[in-house]
């Protein structure tokens, strides 16, 4: 029988139309899931209030996936404000000036600053269209991870295809690796371009998996979660 106790390596992405729908899912999953991601899509439809409630009233861990990107002073101001909500994780883009500003602004909180390398929905054609550096996506992601960690990031957001190489970096000792782009066997990619299974991601060094639609759009979200947890090493 599958355990009904949560495995905090799994972070369920509440990428849903509004907070009411998200609350229903959280209630359905109950003690099976203890870690949730809330992103920009729900920010203006109750997302921050949901984050505060799940943290303070339900005892859940919260990952605010806001991918902050702006001038240093604005990033720092945003991080100080967000820290007052007491989330566990916050994402910023992995540019060195952004990481430095975020780390310094959040230094008095327990919130972990995670740096985004290359979004898992992007491939080389997308980088070309954005006029970003030439080279393999994998190599760029690893270099961005190295620079973000050198600037004090608490961890890295990367695709599972880069997790093993980033885990092997000297700078990655004691740091978190969080991988979106994980898809259970047989699941559609749903816009993700650099993917692996949850088992592969954990095997290659990921500390946490972020999984949304394979759970939230499932006919039985609880069963989807249990199947994922059963697959983990």
Protein backbone atom coordinates (compact mmCIF):
# COMPACT_ATOMS: atom_id res chain seq x y z
CA UNK A 1 0.00 0.00 0.00
CA UNK A 2 1.31 3.46 -0.88
CA UNK A 3 2.18 5.68 2.07
CA UNK A 4 -0.19 8.56 2.74
CA UNK A 5 2.70 10.65 4.08
CA UNK A 6 4.06 13.35 1.80
CA UNK A 7 7.47 13.22 0.14
CA UNK A 8 8.77 16.78 0.01
CA UNK A 9 10.89 16.01 -3.01
CA UNK A 10 7.65 16.51 -4.94
CA UNK A 11 6.41 20.09 -5.36
CA UNK A 12 2.97 20.32 -6.95
CA UNK A 13 2.60 23.33 -9.24
CA UNK A 14 -0.74 25.05 -8.67
CA UNK A 15 -0.85 26.44 -12.21
CA UNK A 16 -4.61 26.79 -12.17
CA UNK A 17 -7.08 29.52 -13.20
CA UNK A 18 -7.78 30.82 -9.71
CA UNK A 19 -7.13 30.29 -6.03
CA UNK A 20 -10.48 28.63 -5.36
CA UNK A 21 -9.68 25.80 -7.78
CA UNK A 22 -6.25 25.47 -6.21
CA UNK A 23 -7.69 25.25 -2.70
CA UNK A 24 -9.98 22.43 -3.82
CA UNK A 25 -6.99 20.49 -5.15
CA UNK A 26 -4.98 21.06 -1.96
CA UNK A 27 -7.92 19.77 0.07
CA UNK A 28 -8.22 16.71 -2.17
CA UNK A 29 -4.53 15.88 -1.91
CA UNK A 30 -4.52 16.41 1.86
CA UNK A 31 -1.49 15.01 3.68
CA UNK A 32 -0.21 13.36 0.51
CA UNK A 33 1.44 16.63 -0.61
CA UNK A 34 3.12 19.18 1.62
CA UNK A 35 4.93 21.43 -0.89
CA UNK A 36 3.24 23.66 -3.46
CA UNK A 37 4.39 26.08 -6.13
CA UNK A 38 2.45 29.27 -6.90
CA UNK A 39 3.48 31.27 -9.94
CA UNK A 40 2.70 34.40 -11.91
CA UNK A 41 -0.41 32.94 -13.52
CA UNK A 42 -2.32 33.06 -10.23
CA UNK A 43 -0.69 36.15 -8.77
CA UNK A 44 -3.59 38.48 -9.59
CA UNK A 45 -6.34 35.98 -8.79
CA UNK A 46 -5.63 35.28 -5.14
CA UNK A 47 -2.23 33.63 -5.40
CA UNK A 48 -0.44 35.55 -2.66
CA UNK A 49 -3.34 35.16 -0.23
CA UNK A 50 -3.40 31.45 -1.05
CA UNK A 51 0.33 31.20 -0.37
CA UNK A 52 -0.06 32.89 3.02
CA UNK A 53 -3.02 30.71 3.98
CA UNK A 54 -1.37 27.45 2.94
CA UNK A 55 1.72 28.40 4.93
CA UNK A 56 0.13 29.79 8.10
CA UNK A 57 -3.13 27.82 8.33
CA UNK A 58 -2.30 24.53 6.63
CA UNK A 59 1.37 24.17 7.50
CA UNK A 60 2.38 23.65 3.88
CA UNK A 61 5.70 24.63 2.34
CA UNK A 62 5.49 27.27 -0.38
CA UNK A 63 7.54 27.95 -3.49
CA UNK A 64 6.81 31.36 -5.05
CA UNK A 65 7.89 31.03 -8.65
CA UNK A 66 8.02 34.69 -9.67
CA UNK A 67 11.26 34.65 -11.71
CA UNK A 68 12.14 38.21 -10.74
CA UNK A 69 14.00 40.21 -13.38
CA UNK A 70 14.64 43.96 -13.11
CA UNK A 71 17.25 46.47 -11.99
CA UNK A 72 19.07 45.68 -8.76
CA UNK A 73 17.14 48.10 -6.54
CA UNK A 74 13.75 46.87 -7.75
CA UNK A 75 14.67 43.21 -7.31
CA UNK A 76 15.95 43.93 -3.81
CA UNK A 77 12.77 45.80 -2.87
CA UNK A 78 10.61 42.97 -4.21
CA UNK A 79 12.59 40.32 -2.32
CA UNK A 80 12.31 42.24 0.97
CA UNK A 81 8.56 42.53 0.48
CA UNK A 82 8.13 38.88 -0.48
CA UNK A 83 10.23 37.73 2.48
CA UNK A 84 7.54 39.12 4.79
CA UNK A 85 5.20 36.41 3.42
CA UNK A 86 7.67 33.75 4.64
CA UNK A 87 7.77 31.49 1.55
CA UNK A 88 10.30 28.66 1.52
CA UNK A 89 11.59 29.23 -2.03
CA UNK A 90 11.63 32.23 -4.38
CA UNK A 91 12.88 32.24 -7.96
CA UNK A 92 14.86 34.96 -9.71
CA UNK A 93 16.50 34.91 -13.11
CA UNK A 94 20.08 33.69 -12.88
CA UNK A 95 21.81 36.85 -14.08
CA UNK A 96 24.60 37.67 -11.60
CA UNK A 97 23.41 41.20 -10.74
CA UNK A 98 19.90 39.91 -10.02
CA UNK A 99 21.11 37.00 -7.89
CA UNK A 100 23.40 39.26 -5.86
CA UNK A 101 20.62 41.78 -5.20
CA UNK A 102 18.15 39.06 -4.22
CA UNK A 103 20.56 37.22 -1.94
CA UNK A 104 21.56 40.40 -0.12
CA UNK A 105 17.94 41.55 0.29
CA UNK A 106 16.79 38.18 1.60
CA UNK A 107 19.74 37.56 3.88
CA UNK A 108 17.76 38.06 7.11
CA UNK A 109 15.04 35.59 6.13
CA UNK A 110 14.93 31.80 5.87
CA UNK A 111 13.67 32.03 2.28
CA UNK A 112 15.85 30.25 -0.28
CA UNK A 113 16.77 32.16 -3.44
CA UNK A 114 16.73 29.86 -6.48
CA UNK A 115 18.26 31.02 -9.75
CA UNK A 116 16.70 30.12 -13.09
CA UNK A 117 19.18 28.93 -15.69
CA UNK A 118 17.31 28.35 -18.99
CA UNK A 119 13.55 27.78 -18.94
CA UNK A 120 12.61 24.17 -19.65
CA UNK A 121 10.21 25.35 -22.37
CA UNK A 122 13.12 26.74 -24.42
CA UNK A 123 15.48 25.13 -26.90
CA UNK A 124 18.28 26.42 -29.13
CA UNK A 125 15.88 27.90 -31.68
CA UNK A 126 14.24 29.94 -28.92
CA UNK A 127 17.61 31.22 -27.72
CA UNK A 128 18.51 32.19 -31.27
CA UNK A 129 15.25 34.11 -31.64
CA UNK A 130 16.06 35.99 -28.43
CA UNK A 131 19.63 36.69 -29.68
CA UNK A 132 21.16 34.92 -26.69
CA UNK A 133 24.64 33.40 -26.57
CA UNK A 134 25.62 30.79 -29.13
CA UNK A 135 26.30 27.23 -28.00
CA UNK A 136 24.51 24.19 -26.64
CA UNK A 137 21.62 24.90 -24.28
CA UNK A 138 23.10 22.43 -21.80
CA UNK A 139 26.43 24.27 -21.70
CA UNK A 140 24.77 27.66 -21.26
CA UNK A 141 22.58 26.35 -18.43
CA UNK A 142 25.58 24.89 -16.62
CA UNK A 143 27.57 28.11 -16.96
CA UNK A 144 24.63 30.21 -15.73
CA UNK A 145 24.27 27.86 -12.77
CA UNK A 146 27.95 28.20 -11.95
CA UNK A 147 27.78 31.99 -12.01
CA UNK A 148 24.56 32.16 -9.99
CA UNK A 149 25.98 29.88 -7.30
CA UNK A 150 29.13 31.99 -7.17
CA UNK A 151 26.88 34.98 -6.46
CA UNK A 152 25.31 33.24 -3.48
CA UNK A 153 22.18 31.56 -4.84
CA UNK A 154 20.81 28.90 -2.49
CA UNK A 155 19.96 26.69 -5.41
CA UNK A 156 19.30 26.31 -9.10
CA UNK A 157 16.26 25.82 -11.29
CA UNK A 158 17.23 23.72 -14.30
CA UNK A 159 15.86 21.05 -16.57
CA UNK A 160 16.43 17.45 -15.44
CA UNK A 161 18.75 17.03 -18.43
CA UNK A 162 21.27 19.39 -16.79
CA UNK A 163 20.83 18.24 -13.19
CA UNK A 164 23.66 15.70 -13.20
CA UNK A 165 26.24 18.13 -14.59
CA UNK A 166 25.18 20.93 -12.26
CA UNK A 167 25.23 18.59 -9.26
CA UNK A 168 28.82 17.81 -10.19
CA UNK A 169 29.93 21.45 -10.03
CA UNK A 170 32.29 22.38 -7.21
CA UNK A 171 30.00 25.32 -6.43
CA UNK A 172 26.93 23.06 -6.05
CA UNK A 173 27.97 21.41 -2.80
CA UNK A 174 25.16 21.84 -0.28
CA UNK A 175 23.00 23.70 -2.80
CA UNK A 176 19.50 22.83 -4.01
CA UNK A 177 18.63 21.63 -7.49
CA UNK A 178 14.97 21.97 -8.42
CA UNK A 179 13.75 20.57 -11.72
CA UNK A 180 10.61 21.47 -13.60
CA UNK A 181 10.22 19.61 -16.89
CA UNK A 182 9.74 16.24 -15.18
CA UNK A 183 7.04 14.11 -16.77
CA UNK A 184 5.88 10.65 -15.65
CA UNK A 185 6.23 7.89 -18.24
CA UNK A 186 3.53 8.21 -20.87
CA UNK A 187 2.65 11.83 -20.03
CA UNK A 188 2.58 14.43 -22.83
CA UNK A 189 5.28 17.09 -22.75
CA UNK A 190 2.69 19.93 -22.58
CA UNK A 191 5.02 22.67 -23.81
CA UNK A 192 8.17 21.39 -22.11
CA UNK A 193 11.11 20.73 -24.43
CA UNK A 194 13.86 19.40 -22.13
CA UNK A 195 12.29 16.66 -20.05
CA UNK A 196 12.97 13.45 -18.11
CA UNK A 197 10.98 11.21 -15.80
CA UNK A 198 10.79 11.97 -12.06
CA UNK A 199 12.91 8.91 -11.31
CA UNK A 200 15.61 10.03 -13.74
CA UNK A 201 15.67 13.55 -12.31
CA UNK A 202 16.14 12.36 -8.72
CA UNK A 203 18.75 9.82 -9.82
CA UNK A 204 20.71 12.59 -11.54
CA UNK A 205 20.85 14.86 -8.51
CA UNK A 206 17.61 16.83 -8.24
CA UNK A 207 16.44 17.60 -4.70
CA UNK A 208 12.93 18.60 -5.73
CA UNK A 209 10.66 17.95 -8.72
CA UNK A 210 8.08 20.51 -9.82
CA UNK A 211 5.12 18.79 -11.48
CA UNK A 212 1.86 20.48 -12.42
CA UNK A 213 -0.46 19.40 -15.22
CA UNK A 214 0.17 15.64 -15.01
CA UNK A 215 -1.37 15.99 -11.53
CA UNK A 216 -3.73 18.97 -11.75
CA UNK A 217 -5.31 17.83 -15.03
CA UNK A 218 -5.54 14.18 -14.02
CA UNK A 219 -8.93 12.52 -13.56
CA UNK A 220 -7.56 11.39 -10.19
CA UNK A 221 -4.93 13.79 -8.82
CA UNK A 222 -4.34 11.65 -5.73
CA UNK A 223 -3.62 8.60 -7.84
CA UNK A 224 -1.33 10.65 -10.09
CA UNK A 225 0.66 11.78 -7.04
CA UNK A 226 0.88 8.26 -5.63
CA UNK A 227 2.09 6.89 -8.97
CA UNK A 228 4.82 9.54 -9.12
CA UNK A 229 5.92 8.89 -5.54
CA UNK A 230 6.03 5.15 -6.13
CA UNK A 231 8.36 5.72 -9.07
CA UNK A 232 11.00 7.63 -7.06
CA UNK A 233 14.20 5.92 -5.98
